[in-house]
Amino acid sequence: MQFLQSTKSDWFFDHEDSRFCRVPRGMTPELLGSRTPWATFFELVIDDNQLSFTVVLNEGRTEIIRASIVGDEATGSFDVMPQT
């Protein structure tokens, strides 16, 4: 799982299942539970300077979301713990 932080949102990217969710900063998908809106994506592109990213939603690249990366620890990756 990859984590990115923008001005108002925390973004979680599950590359294995090609899905992502955007939640209010400070929240996690686990805290939101079943209300977490996961969506599929085709590609995640992070610019060379790590200042912004683009979420490509479809293969035709006609639907995209762009955001600026903010914060001291605004990027990272982590393992997803299985739910018990």
C-alpha atoms as a PDB file:
ATOM      1  CA  MET A   1       0.000   0.000   0.000  1.00  0.00           C
ATOM      2  CA  GLN A   2       1.302   3.442  -0.873  1.00  0.00           C
ATOM      3  CA  PHE A   3       0.415   6.656   0.959  1.00  0.00           C
ATOM      4  CA  LEU A   4       0.393  10.220  -0.407  1.00  0.00           C
ATOM      5  CA  GLN A   5      -0.794  13.385   1.325  1.00  0.00           C
ATOM      6  CA  SER A   6      -2.313  16.388  -0.422  1.00  0.00           C
ATOM      7  CA  THR A   7      -3.630  19.662   0.985  1.00  0.00           C
ATOM      8  CA  LYS A   8      -6.921  18.320   2.335  1.00  0.00           C
ATOM      9  CA  SER A   9      -6.732  14.561   1.764  1.00  0.00           C
ATOM     10  CA  ASP A  10      -4.770  11.426   2.517  1.00  0.00           C
ATOM     11  CA  TRP A  11      -4.540   9.052  -0.449  1.00  0.00           C
ATOM     12  CA  PHE A  12      -4.065   5.292  -0.153  1.00  0.00           C
ATOM     13  CA  PHE A  13      -3.063   3.289  -3.217  1.00  0.00           C
ATOM     14  CA  ASP A  14      -3.368  -0.496  -3.327  1.00  0.00           C
ATOM     15  CA  HIS A  15      -1.251  -1.320  -6.385  1.00  0.00           C
ATOM     16  CA  GLU A  16      -1.893  -5.053  -6.113  1.00  0.00           C
ATOM     17  CA  ASP A  17      -5.642  -4.599  -6.622  1.00  0.00           C
ATOM     18  CA  SER A  18      -5.363  -1.366  -8.692  1.00  0.00           C
ATOM     19  CA  ARG A  19      -7.563   0.606  -6.329  1.00  0.00           C
ATOM     20  CA  PHE A  20      -7.262   3.781  -4.277  1.00  0.00           C
ATOM     21  CA  CYS A  21      -9.188   5.814  -1.763  1.00  0.00           C
ATOM     22  CA  ARG A  22      -9.025   9.438  -0.738  1.00  0.00           C
ATOM     23  CA  VAL A  23     -10.021  10.306   2.821  1.00  0.00           C
ATOM     24  CA  PRO A  24      -9.902  13.488   4.930  1.00  0.00           C
ATOM     25  CA  ARG A  25      -6.417  14.131   6.331  1.00  0.00           C
ATOM     26  CA  GLY A  26      -5.754  12.282   9.544  1.00  0.00           C
ATOM     27  CA  MET A  27      -8.208   9.477   8.798  1.00  0.00           C
ATOM     28  CA  THR A  28      -7.407   5.986   7.595  1.00  0.00           C
ATOM     29  CA  PRO A  29      -9.535   3.585   5.563  1.00  0.00           C
ATOM     30  CA  GLU A  30      -9.768   1.371   8.653  1.00  0.00           C
ATOM     31  CA  LEU A  31     -11.214   4.202  10.761  1.00  0.00           C
ATOM     32  CA  LEU A  32     -13.878   4.873   8.142  1.00  0.00           C
ATOM     33  CA  GLY A  33     -14.691   1.164   7.850  1.00  0.00           C
ATOM     34  CA  SER A  34     -17.196   0.182   5.198  1.00  0.00           C
ATOM     35  CA  ARG A  35     -17.807   3.852   4.325  1.00  0.00           C
ATOM     36  CA  THR A  36     -14.385   4.066   2.657  1.00  0.00           C
ATOM     37  CA  PRO A  37     -14.949   4.754  -1.053  1.00  0.00           C
ATOM     38  CA  TRP A  38     -12.369   2.656  -2.934  1.00  0.00           C
ATOM     39  CA  ALA A  39     -12.109   3.229  -6.693  1.00  0.00           C
ATOM     40  CA  THR A  40     -10.081   1.556  -9.414  1.00  0.00           C
ATOM     41  CA  PHE A  41      -7.190   3.260 -11.194  1.00  0.00           C
ATOM     42  CA  PHE A  42      -5.030   2.502 -14.203  1.00  0.00           C
ATOM     43  CA  GLU A  43      -1.779   4.250 -13.236  1.00  0.00           C
ATOM     44  CA  LEU A  44      -0.267   6.487 -10.565  1.00  0.00           C
ATOM     45  CA  VAL A  45       2.308   8.996 -11.830  1.00  0.00           C
ATOM     46  CA  ILE A  46       4.424  10.936  -9.317  1.00  0.00           C
ATOM     47  CA  ASP A  47       6.372  13.846 -10.803  1.00  0.00           C
ATOM     48  CA  ASP A  48      10.178  13.800 -10.726  1.00  0.00           C
ATOM     49  CA  ASN A  49      10.372  16.404  -7.952  1.00  0.00           C
ATOM     50  CA  GLN A  50       7.797  14.571  -5.765  1.00  0.00           C
ATOM     51  CA  LEU A  51       5.687  17.741  -5.720  1.00  0.00           C
ATOM     52  CA  SER A  52       2.536  16.431  -7.378  1.00  0.00           C
ATOM     53  CA  PHE A  53       0.903  13.268  -8.596  1.00  0.00           C
ATOM     54  CA  THR A  54      -1.624  12.194 -11.198  1.00  0.00           C
ATOM     55  CA  VAL A  55      -4.073   9.339 -10.825  1.00  0.00           C
ATOM     56  CA  VAL A  56      -4.967   7.958 -14.252  1.00  0.00           C
ATOM     57  CA  LEU A  57      -8.395   6.381 -13.952  1.00  0.00           C
ATOM     58  CA  ASN A  58      -8.700   4.638 -17.323  1.00  0.00           C
ATOM     59  CA  GLU A  59      -6.528   3.125 -20.026  1.00  0.00           C
ATOM     60  CA  GLY A  60      -7.487   5.842 -22.519  1.00  0.00           C
ATOM     61  CA  ARG A  61      -6.130   8.456 -20.088  1.00  0.00           C
ATOM     62  CA  THR A  62      -9.262  10.555 -20.555  1.00  0.00           C
ATOM     63  CA  GLU A  63     -10.050  10.645 -16.822  1.00  0.00           C
ATOM     64  CA  ILE A  64      -7.395  11.861 -14.399  1.00  0.00           C
ATOM     65  CA  ILE A  65      -7.081  13.397 -10.945  1.00  0.00           C
ATOM     66  CA  ARG A  66      -4.138  15.679 -10.124  1.00  0.00           C
ATOM     67  CA  ALA A  67      -2.999  16.797  -6.692  1.00  0.00           C
ATOM     68  CA  SER A  68      -0.030  18.459  -5.032  1.00  0.00           C
ATOM     69  CA  ILE A  69       1.972  16.576  -2.421  1.00  0.00           C
ATOM     70  CA  VAL A  70       2.343  18.392   0.913  1.00  0.00           C
ATOM     71  CA  GLY A  71       3.801  17.701   4.349  1.00  0.00           C
ATOM     72  CA  ASP A  72       7.150  16.565   5.691  1.00  0.00           C
ATOM     73  CA  GLU A  73       6.243  12.905   5.549  1.00  0.00           C
ATOM     74  CA  ALA A  74       3.740  13.130   2.719  1.00  0.00           C
ATOM     75  CA  THR A  75       4.772   9.949   0.930  1.00  0.00           C
ATOM     76  CA  GLY A  76       5.427   6.435   2.047  1.00  0.00           C
ATOM     77  CA  SER A  77       4.499   2.830   1.754  1.00  0.00           C
ATOM     78  CA  PHE A  78       3.325   0.276   4.246  1.00  0.00           C
ATOM     79  CA  ASP A  79       1.986  -3.240   4.481  1.00  0.00           C
ATOM     80  CA  VAL A  80      -1.701  -3.802   4.978  1.00  0.00           C
ATOM     81  CA  MET A  81      -2.450  -5.822   8.069  1.00  0.00           C
ATOM     82  CA  PRO A  82      -5.027  -8.547   7.492  1.00  0.00           C
ATOM     83  CA  GLN A  83      -8.309  -8.036   9.276  1.00  0.00           C
ATOM     84  CA  THR A  84      -9.161 -10.602  11.916  1.00  0.00           C
END
